[in-house]
Every structure is written in C-alpha cells, then in structure tokens.
Amino acid sequence: MSEPREVRLKRLKIRAWRRGIKEMDLLLGGFADREMADLSAAELDAFEALMEEADQDLLRWVTGLEPAPEGHLPMLRRVAPEARL
C-alpha cells in the first residue's frame, strides 16, 4: 500500500532538513519549504531519488566540481537554479 501524499510530503520535508551537511539542509530543505507541495508525483519521485545521493556528491555537483548524472539534472536545476550544472 502506498503512503498518502500528505504523509509523503511530511516525510520528505523532514529528510530534506536533516541531511548531515548544513549546506544540503539549506538547499534541499529550502526547496522543500518553497516548492515541494506543488510537485507532481513524478517530480516527487525525482526529488526523493536526488535525496538518496550522498551529501558530498550533491555538494560537488551543485558547486560544479564534478558533473551531475544526467538523470538528476532536471531536478538539480530546479532545486539549485543558480548552480553551475
């Protein structure tokens, strides 16, 4: 049985704000606060998949130190539009 959307949004918001690296808390948590409620189910899937990645990898991608995987680029561009992706 799948979880209700409301429960999923709450769960993802908590995960977004409790990452481990403060920069990722601010980036992902801020995005969750601003835009997550308006995401489609497919976009929520993409956001959740992005949050499965290690903070160190996310930081390297957002800062342009390493190229981000193609599959994450659309959501990364939405989460961090000012990033060098």
PDB file of N, CA and C in Angstrom:
ATOM      1  N   MET A   1       0.845  -1.172   0.000  1.00  0.00           N
ATOM      2  CA  MET A   1       0.000   0.000   0.000  1.00  0.00           C
ATOM      3  C   MET A   1       0.895   1.242   0.000  1.00  0.00           C
ATOM      4  N   SER A   2       0.565   2.200  -0.855  1.00  0.00           N
ATOM      5  CA  SER A   2       1.376   3.416  -0.910  1.00  0.00           C
ATOM      6  C   SER A   2       0.922   4.412   0.151  1.00  0.00           C
ATOM      7  N   GLU A   3       1.837   5.246   0.563  1.00  0.00           N
ATOM      8  CA  GLU A   3       1.511   6.209   1.603  1.00  0.00           C
ATOM      9  C   GLU A   3       0.735   7.381   1.005  1.00  0.00           C
ATOM     10  N   PRO A   4      -0.139   7.997   1.773  1.00  0.00           N
ATOM     11  CA  PRO A   4      -0.867   9.172   1.287  1.00  0.00           C
ATOM     12  C   PRO A   4       0.111  10.307   0.961  1.00  0.00           C
ATOM     13  N   ARG A   5      -0.251  11.144   0.007  1.00  0.00           N
ATOM     14  CA  ARG A   5       0.613  12.249  -0.420  1.00  0.00           C
ATOM     15  C   ARG A   5       1.002  13.137   0.761  1.00  0.00           C
ATOM     16  N   GLU A   6       0.070  13.444   1.620  1.00  0.00           N
ATOM     17  CA  GLU A   6       0.331  14.304   2.777  1.00  0.00           C
ATOM     18  C   GLU A   6       1.435  13.724   3.667  1.00  0.00           C
ATOM     19  N   VAL A   7       1.390  12.431   3.889  1.00  0.00           N
ATOM     20  CA  VAL A   7       2.401  11.756   4.708  1.00  0.00           C
ATOM     21  C   VAL A   7       3.747  11.783   3.988  1.00  0.00           C
ATOM     22  N   ARG A   8       3.713  11.542   2.688  1.00  0.00           N
ATOM     23  CA  ARG A   8       4.959  11.558   1.912  1.00  0.00           C
ATOM     24  C   ARG A   8       5.617  12.935   1.959  1.00  0.00           C
ATOM     25  N   LEU A   9       4.831  13.985   1.795  1.00  0.00           N
ATOM     26  CA  LEU A   9       5.377  15.341   1.837  1.00  0.00           C
ATOM     27  C   LEU A   9       6.022  15.642   3.185  1.00  0.00           C
ATOM     28  N   LYS A  10       5.379  15.245   4.258  1.00  0.00           N
ATOM     29  CA  LYS A  10       5.940  15.466   5.595  1.00  0.00           C
ATOM     30  C   LYS A  10       7.244  14.689   5.774  1.00  0.00           C
ATOM     31  N   ARG A  11       7.243  13.446   5.322  1.00  0.00           N
ATOM     32  CA  ARG A  11       8.437  12.608   5.457  1.00  0.00           C
ATOM     33  C   ARG A  11       9.606  13.196   4.659  1.00  0.00           C
ATOM     34  N   LEU A  12       9.327  13.617   3.427  1.00  0.00           N
ATOM     35  CA  LEU A  12      10.385  14.176   2.591  1.00  0.00           C
ATOM     36  C   LEU A  12      10.900  15.507   3.131  1.00  0.00           C
ATOM     37  N   LYS A  13      10.021  16.311   3.699  1.00  0.00           N
ATOM     38  CA  LYS A  13      10.461  17.589   4.260  1.00  0.00           C
ATOM     39  C   LYS A  13      11.409  17.363   5.432  1.00  0.00           C
ATOM     40  N   ILE A  14      11.081  16.413   6.275  1.00  0.00           N
ATOM     41  CA  ILE A  14      11.967  16.097   7.402  1.00  0.00           C
ATOM     42  C   ILE A  14      13.318  15.617   6.894  1.00  0.00           C
ATOM     43  N   ARG A  15      13.312  14.733   5.899  1.00  0.00           N
ATOM     44  CA  ARG A  15      14.574  14.237   5.328  1.00  0.00           C
ATOM     45  C   ARG A  15      15.379  15.359   4.682  1.00  0.00           C
ATOM     46  N   ALA A  16      14.690  16.297   4.045  1.00  0.00           N
ATOM     47  CA  ALA A  16      15.373  17.393   3.362  1.00  0.00           C
ATOM     48  C   ALA A  16      16.075  18.309   4.358  1.00  0.00           C
ATOM     49  N   TRP A  17      15.505  18.467   5.543  1.00  0.00           N
ATOM     50  CA  TRP A  17      16.085  19.365   6.539  1.00  0.00           C
ATOM     51  C   TRP A  17      17.071  18.681   7.479  1.00  0.00           C
ATOM     52  N   ARG A  18      17.197  17.368   7.396  1.00  0.00           N
ATOM     53  CA  ARG A  18      18.113  16.646   8.295  1.00  0.00           C
ATOM     54  C   ARG A  18      19.082  15.799   7.485  1.00  0.00           C
ATOM     55  N   ARG A  19      19.972  16.474   6.770  1.00  0.00           N
ATOM     56  CA  ARG A  19      20.868  15.812   5.848  1.00  0.00           C
ATOM     57  C   ARG A  19      22.180  15.375   6.493  1.00  0.00           C
ATOM     58  N   GLY A  20      22.884  16.295   7.094  1.00  0.00           N
ATOM     59  CA  GLY A  20      24.201  15.985   7.633  1.00  0.00           C
ATOM     60  C   GLY A  20      25.189  17.080   7.301  1.00  0.00           C
ATOM     61  N   ILE A  21      25.056  17.659   6.123  1.00  0.00           N
ATOM     62  CA  ILE A  21      25.856  18.824   5.735  1.00  0.00           C
ATOM     63  C   ILE A  21      24.897  20.006   5.706  1.00  0.00           C
ATOM     64  N   LYS A  22      25.232  21.033   6.454  1.00  0.00           N
ATOM     65  CA  LYS A  22      24.323  22.181   6.599  1.00  0.00           C
ATOM     66  C   LYS A  22      23.946  22.793   5.254  1.00  0.00           C
ATOM     67  N   GLU A  23      24.895  22.845   4.326  1.00  0.00           N
ATOM     68  CA  GLU A  23      24.602  23.395   3.003  1.00  0.00           C
ATOM     69  C   GLU A  23      23.480  22.618   2.309  1.00  0.00           C
ATOM     70  N   MET A  24      23.486  21.308   2.478  1.00  0.00           N
ATOM     71  CA  MET A  24      22.436  20.499   1.854  1.00  0.00           C
ATOM     72  C   MET A  24      21.115  20.650   2.605  1.00  0.00           C
ATOM     73  N   ASP A  25      21.182  20.814   3.933  1.00  0.00           N
ATOM     74  CA  ASP A  25      19.954  21.112   4.695  1.00  0.00           C
ATOM     75  C   ASP A  25      19.298  22.360   4.121  1.00  0.00           C
ATOM     76  N   LEU A  26      20.103  23.415   3.945  1.00  0.00           N
ATOM     77  CA  LEU A  26      19.567  24.686   3.465  1.00  0.00           C
ATOM     78  C   LEU A  26      19.064  24.585   2.029  1.00  0.00           C
ATOM     79  N   LEU A  27      19.810  23.912   1.184  1.00  0.00           N
ATOM     80  CA  LEU A  27      19.427  23.793  -0.220  1.00  0.00           C
ATOM     81  C   LEU A  27      18.160  22.941  -0.378  1.00  0.00           C
ATOM     82  N   LEU A  28      18.216  21.714   0.130  1.00  0.00           N
ATOM     83  CA  LEU A  28      17.077  20.802  -0.052  1.00  0.00           C
ATOM     84  C   LEU A  28      15.897  21.164   0.833  1.00  0.00           C
ATOM     85  N   GLY A  29      16.171  21.550   2.077  1.00  0.00           N
ATOM     86  CA  GLY A  29      15.090  21.949   2.974  1.00  0.00           C
ATOM     87  C   GLY A  29      14.397  23.209   2.503  1.00  0.00           C
ATOM     88  N   GLY A  30      15.186  24.172   2.029  1.00  0.00           N
ATOM     89  CA  GLY A  30      14.597  25.399   1.496  1.00  0.00           C
ATOM     90  C   GLY A  30      13.719  25.127   0.292  1.00  0.00           C
ATOM     91  N   PHE A  31      14.196  24.265  -0.601  1.00  0.00           N
ATOM     92  CA  PHE A  31      13.395  23.877  -1.766  1.00  0.00           C
ATOM     93  C   PHE A  31      12.112  23.188  -1.317  1.00  0.00           C
ATOM     94  N   ALA A  32      12.234  22.281  -0.360  1.00  0.00           N
ATOM     95  CA  ALA A  32      11.056  21.561   0.141  1.00  0.00           C
ATOM     96  C   ALA A  32      10.029  22.542   0.698  1.00  0.00           C
ATOM     97  N   ASP A  33      10.478  23.513   1.459  1.00  0.00           N
ATOM     98  CA  ASP A  33       9.558  24.508   2.016  1.00  0.00           C
ATOM     99  C   ASP A  33       8.883  25.332   0.933  1.00  0.00           C
ATOM    100  N   ARG A  34       9.640  25.722  -0.082  1.00  0.00           N
ATOM    101  CA  ARG A  34       9.127  26.623  -1.117  1.00  0.00           C
ATOM    102  C   ARG A  34       8.259  25.924  -2.153  1.00  0.00           C
ATOM    103  N   GLU A  35       8.689  24.752  -2.615  1.00  0.00           N
ATOM    104  CA  GLU A  35       8.097  24.208  -3.840  1.00  0.00           C
ATOM    105  C   GLU A  35       7.582  22.781  -3.775  1.00  0.00           C
ATOM    106  N   MET A  36       7.954  22.039  -2.771  1.00  0.00           N
ATOM    107  CA  MET A  36       7.638  20.618  -2.785  1.00  0.00           C
ATOM    108  C   MET A  36       6.139  20.328  -2.867  1.00  0.00           C
ATOM    109  N   ALA A  37       5.312  21.123  -2.224  1.00  0.00           N
ATOM    110  CA  ALA A  37       3.869  20.872  -2.220  1.00  0.00           C
ATOM    111  C   ALA A  37       3.279  20.945  -3.621  1.00  0.00           C
ATOM    112  N   ASP A  38       3.926  21.666  -4.534  1.00  0.00           N
ATOM    113  CA  ASP A  38       3.417  21.829  -5.894  1.00  0.00           C
ATOM    114  C   ASP A  38       3.975  20.809  -6.883  1.00  0.00           C
ATOM    115  N   LEU A  39       4.849  19.923  -6.430  1.00  0.00           N
ATOM    116  CA  LEU A  39       5.447  18.930  -7.326  1.00  0.00           C
ATOM    117  C   LEU A  39       4.449  17.836  -7.675  1.00  0.00           C
ATOM    118  N   SER A  40       4.559  17.357  -8.901  1.00  0.00           N
ATOM    119  CA  SER A  40       3.762  16.199  -9.326  1.00  0.00           C
ATOM    120  C   SER A  40       4.337  14.944  -8.673  1.00  0.00           C
ATOM    121  N   ALA A  41       3.631  13.840  -8.805  1.00  0.00           N
ATOM    122  CA  ALA A  41       4.116  12.572  -8.249  1.00  0.00           C
ATOM    123  C   ALA A  41       5.466  12.188  -8.868  1.00  0.00           C
ATOM    124  N   ALA A  42       5.612  12.392 -10.180  1.00  0.00           N
ATOM    125  CA  ALA A  42       6.876  12.067 -10.852  1.00  0.00           C
ATOM    126  C   ALA A  42       8.002  12.979 -10.368  1.00  0.00           C
ATOM    127  N   GLU A  43       7.697  14.257 -10.150  1.00  0.00           N
ATOM    128  CA  GLU A  43       8.708  15.182  -9.645  1.00  0.00           C
ATOM    129  C   GLU A  43       9.088  14.841  -8.203  1.00  0.00           C
ATOM    130  N   LEU A  44       8.119  14.408  -7.410  1.00  0.00           N
ATOM    131  CA  LEU A  44       8.438  13.958  -6.049  1.00  0.00           C
ATOM    132  C   LEU A  44       9.357  12.747  -6.091  1.00  0.00           C
ATOM    133  N   ASP A  45       9.107  11.847  -7.025  1.00  0.00           N
ATOM    134  CA  ASP A  45       9.987  10.681  -7.199  1.00  0.00           C
ATOM    135  C   ASP A  45      11.410  11.135  -7.509  1.00  0.00           C
ATOM    136  N   ALA A  46      11.539  12.126  -8.403  1.00  0.00           N
ATOM    137  CA  ALA A  46      12.861  12.629  -8.784  1.00  0.00           C
ATOM    138  C   ALA A  46      13.537  13.321  -7.600  1.00  0.00           C
ATOM    139  N   PHE A  47      12.779  14.082  -6.822  1.00  0.00           N
ATOM    140  CA  PHE A  47      13.332  14.752  -5.640  1.00  0.00           C
ATOM    141  C   PHE A  47      13.778  13.724  -4.612  1.00  0.00           C
ATOM    142  N   GLU A  48      12.967  12.701  -4.416  1.00  0.00           N
ATOM    143  CA  GLU A  48      13.331  11.655  -3.456  1.00  0.00           C
ATOM    144  C   GLU A  48      14.575  10.899  -3.918  1.00  0.00           C
ATOM    145  N   ALA A  49      14.677  10.627  -5.206  1.00  0.00           N
ATOM    146  CA  ALA A  49      15.862   9.945  -5.746  1.00  0.00           C
ATOM    147  C   ALA A  49      17.106  10.813  -5.550  1.00  0.00           C
ATOM    148  N   LEU A  50      16.963  12.118  -5.732  1.00  0.00           N
ATOM    149  CA  LEU A  50      18.077  13.028  -5.511  1.00  0.00           C
ATOM    150  C   LEU A  50      18.524  12.986  -4.056  1.00  0.00           C
ATOM    151  N   MET A  51      17.574  12.913  -3.149  1.00  0.00           N
ATOM    152  CA  MET A  51      17.920  12.883  -1.725  1.00  0.00           C
ATOM    153  C   MET A  51      18.551  11.564  -1.299  1.00  0.00           C
ATOM    154  N   GLU A  52      18.482  10.557  -2.135  1.00  0.00           N
ATOM    155  CA  GLU A  52      19.151   9.286  -1.841  1.00  0.00           C
ATOM    156  C   GLU A  52      20.663   9.398  -2.042  1.00  0.00           C
ATOM    157  N   GLU A  53      21.084  10.417  -2.766  1.00  0.00           N
ATOM    158  CA  GLU A  53      22.511  10.601  -3.035  1.00  0.00           C
ATOM    159  C   GLU A  53      23.228  11.126  -1.799  1.00  0.00           C
ATOM    160  N   ALA A  54      24.506  10.862  -1.711  1.00  0.00           N
ATOM    161  CA  ALA A  54      25.327  11.326  -0.594  1.00  0.00           C
ATOM    162  C   ALA A  54      25.487  12.845  -0.661  1.00  0.00           C
ATOM    163  N   ASP A  55      25.484  13.472   0.502  1.00  0.00           N
ATOM    164  CA  ASP A  55      25.643  14.921   0.573  1.00  0.00           C
ATOM    165  C   ASP A  55      26.916  15.394  -0.124  1.00  0.00           C
ATOM    166  N   GLN A  56      27.989  14.660   0.038  1.00  0.00           N
ATOM    167  CA  GLN A  56      29.265  15.046  -0.571  1.00  0.00           C
ATOM    168  C   GLN A  56      29.149  15.087  -2.094  1.00  0.00           C
ATOM    169  N   ASP A  57      28.433  14.117  -2.666  1.00  0.00           N
ATOM    170  CA  ASP A  57      28.225  14.103  -4.115  1.00  0.00           C
ATOM    171  C   ASP A  57      27.355  15.277  -4.550  1.00  0.00           C
ATOM    172  N   LEU A  58      26.255  15.500  -3.828  1.00  0.00           N
ATOM    173  CA  LEU A  58      25.373  16.624  -4.156  1.00  0.00           C
ATOM    174  C   LEU A  58      26.139  17.945  -4.120  1.00  0.00           C
ATOM    175  N   LEU A  59      26.962  18.123  -3.119  1.00  0.00           N
ATOM    176  CA  LEU A  59      27.733  19.358  -2.981  1.00  0.00           C
ATOM    177  C   LEU A  59      28.696  19.527  -4.156  1.00  0.00           C
ATOM    178  N   ARG A  60      29.365  18.455  -4.556  1.00  0.00           N
ATOM    179  CA  ARG A  60      30.290  18.528  -5.693  1.00  0.00           C
ATOM    180  C   ARG A  60      29.547  18.865  -6.985  1.00  0.00           C
ATOM    181  N   TRP A  61      28.343  18.314  -7.162  1.00  0.00           N
ATOM    182  CA  TRP A  61      27.561  18.585  -8.374  1.00  0.00           C
ATOM    183  C   TRP A  61      27.079  20.033  -8.404  1.00  0.00           C
ATOM    184  N   VAL A  62      26.549  20.493  -7.290  1.00  0.00           N
ATOM    185  CA  VAL A  62      25.976  21.840  -7.233  1.00  0.00           C
ATOM    186  C   VAL A  62      27.056  22.907  -7.376  1.00  0.00           C
ATOM    187  N   THR A  63      28.229  22.639  -6.856  1.00  0.00           N
ATOM    188  CA  THR A  63      29.311  23.615  -6.951  1.00  0.00           C
ATOM    189  C   THR A  63      30.092  23.497  -8.259  1.00  0.00           C
ATOM    190  N   GLY A  64      29.769  22.515  -9.074  1.00  0.00           N
ATOM    191  CA  GLY A  64      30.429  22.353 -10.360  1.00  0.00           C
ATOM    192  C   GLY A  64      31.767  21.655 -10.304  1.00  0.00           C
ATOM    193  N   LEU A  65      32.104  21.072  -9.150  1.00  0.00           N
ATOM    194  CA  LEU A  65      33.373  20.357  -9.045  1.00  0.00           C
ATOM    195  C   LEU A  65      33.359  19.054  -9.835  1.00  0.00           C
ATOM    196  N   GLU A  66      32.177  18.478  -9.971  1.00  0.00           N
ATOM    197  CA  GLU A  66      32.001  17.255 -10.764  1.00  0.00           C
ATOM    198  C   GLU A  66      30.697  17.376 -11.533  1.00  0.00           C
ATOM    199  N   PRO A  67      30.629  16.764 -12.709  1.00  0.00           N
ATOM    200  CA  PRO A  67      29.361  16.797 -13.444  1.00  0.00           C
ATOM    201  C   PRO A  67      28.311  15.922 -12.756  1.00  0.00           C
ATOM    202  N   ALA A  68      27.094  16.402 -12.742  1.00  0.00           N
ATOM    203  CA  ALA A  68      25.990  15.643 -12.149  1.00  0.00           C
ATOM    204  C   ALA A  68      25.506  14.585 -13.128  1.00  0.00           C
ATOM    205  N   PRO A  69      25.013  13.472 -12.618  1.00  0.00           N
ATOM    206  CA  PRO A  69      24.444  12.454 -13.501  1.00  0.00           C
ATOM    207  C   PRO A  69      23.256  13.032 -14.287  1.00  0.00           C
ATOM    208  N   GLU A  70      23.174  12.667 -15.538  1.00  0.00           N
ATOM    209  CA  GLU A  70      22.110  13.170 -16.417  1.00  0.00           C
ATOM    210  C   GLU A  70      20.717  12.985 -15.815  1.00  0.00           C
ATOM    211  N   GLY A  71      20.489  11.858 -15.154  1.00  0.00           N
ATOM    212  CA  GLY A  71      19.175  11.573 -14.594  1.00  0.00           C
ATOM    213  C   GLY A  71      18.750  12.540 -13.504  1.00  0.00           C
ATOM    214  N   HIS A  72      19.712  13.152 -12.830  1.00  0.00           N
ATOM    215  CA  HIS A  72      19.406  14.096 -11.753  1.00  0.00           C
ATOM    216  C   HIS A  72      19.375  15.556 -12.211  1.00  0.00           C
ATOM    217  N   LEU A  73      19.847  15.834 -13.412  1.00  0.00           N
ATOM    218  CA  LEU A  73      19.977  17.225 -13.845  1.00  0.00           C
ATOM    219  C   LEU A  73      18.670  18.019 -13.809  1.00  0.00           C
ATOM    220  N   PRO A  74      17.553  17.493 -14.309  1.00  0.00           N
ATOM    221  CA  PRO A  74      16.332  18.311 -14.275  1.00  0.00           C
ATOM    222  C   PRO A  74      15.938  18.742 -12.857  1.00  0.00           C
ATOM    223  N   MET A  75      16.001  17.833 -11.899  1.00  0.00           N
ATOM    224  CA  MET A  75      15.620  18.196 -10.532  1.00  0.00           C
ATOM    225  C   MET A  75      16.686  19.072  -9.887  1.00  0.00           C
ATOM    226  N   LEU A  76      17.959  18.796 -10.155  1.00  0.00           N
ATOM    227  CA  LEU A  76      19.018  19.646  -9.611  1.00  0.00           C
ATOM    228  C   LEU A  76      18.889  21.079 -10.109  1.00  0.00           C
ATOM    229  N   ARG A  77      18.535  21.249 -11.382  1.00  0.00           N
ATOM    230  CA  ARG A  77      18.362  22.601 -11.924  1.00  0.00           C
ATOM    231  C   ARG A  77      17.192  23.308 -11.269  1.00  0.00           C
ATOM    232  N   ARG A  78      16.214  22.550 -10.865  1.00  0.00           N
ATOM    233  CA  ARG A  78      15.060  23.140 -10.178  1.00  0.00           C
ATOM    234  C   ARG A  78      15.398  23.464  -8.715  1.00  0.00           C
ATOM    235  N   VAL A  79      16.082  22.566  -8.070  1.00  0.00           N
ATOM    236  CA  VAL A  79      16.448  22.749  -6.664  1.00  0.00           C
ATOM    237  C   VAL A  79      17.491  23.859  -6.508  1.00  0.00           C
ATOM    238  N   ALA A  80      18.449  23.896  -7.424  1.00  0.00           N
ATOM    239  CA  ALA A  80      19.557  24.859  -7.325  1.00  0.00           C
ATOM    240  C   ALA A  80      19.742  25.581  -8.657  1.00  0.00           C
ATOM    241  N   PRO A  81      18.818  26.472  -9.002  1.00  0.00           N
ATOM    242  CA  PRO A  81      18.912  27.125 -10.312  1.00  0.00           C
ATOM    243  C   PRO A  81      20.176  27.964 -10.509  1.00  0.00           C
ATOM    244  N   GLU A  82      20.789  28.407  -9.421  1.00  0.00           N
ATOM    245  CA  GLU A  82      21.997  29.217  -9.519  1.00  0.00           C
ATOM    246  C   GLU A  82      23.266  28.374  -9.616  1.00  0.00           C
ATOM    247  N   ALA A  83      23.125  27.062  -9.533  1.00  0.00           N
ATOM    248  CA  ALA A  83      24.277  26.168  -9.553  1.00  0.00           C
ATOM    249  C   ALA A  83      24.902  26.100 -10.938  1.00  0.00           C
ATOM    250  N   ARG A  84      26.159  25.727 -10.961  1.00  0.00           N
ATOM    251  CA  ARG A  84      26.912  25.581 -12.214  1.00  0.00           C
ATOM    252  C   ARG A  84      26.748  24.151 -12.733  1.00  0.00           C
ATOM    253  N   LEU A  85      25.601  23.852 -13.278  1.00  0.00           N
ATOM    254  CA  LEU A  85      25.320  22.489 -13.752  1.00  0.00           C
ATOM    255  C   LEU A  85      25.458  22.414 -15.256  1.00  0.00           C
TER     256      LEU A  85
END
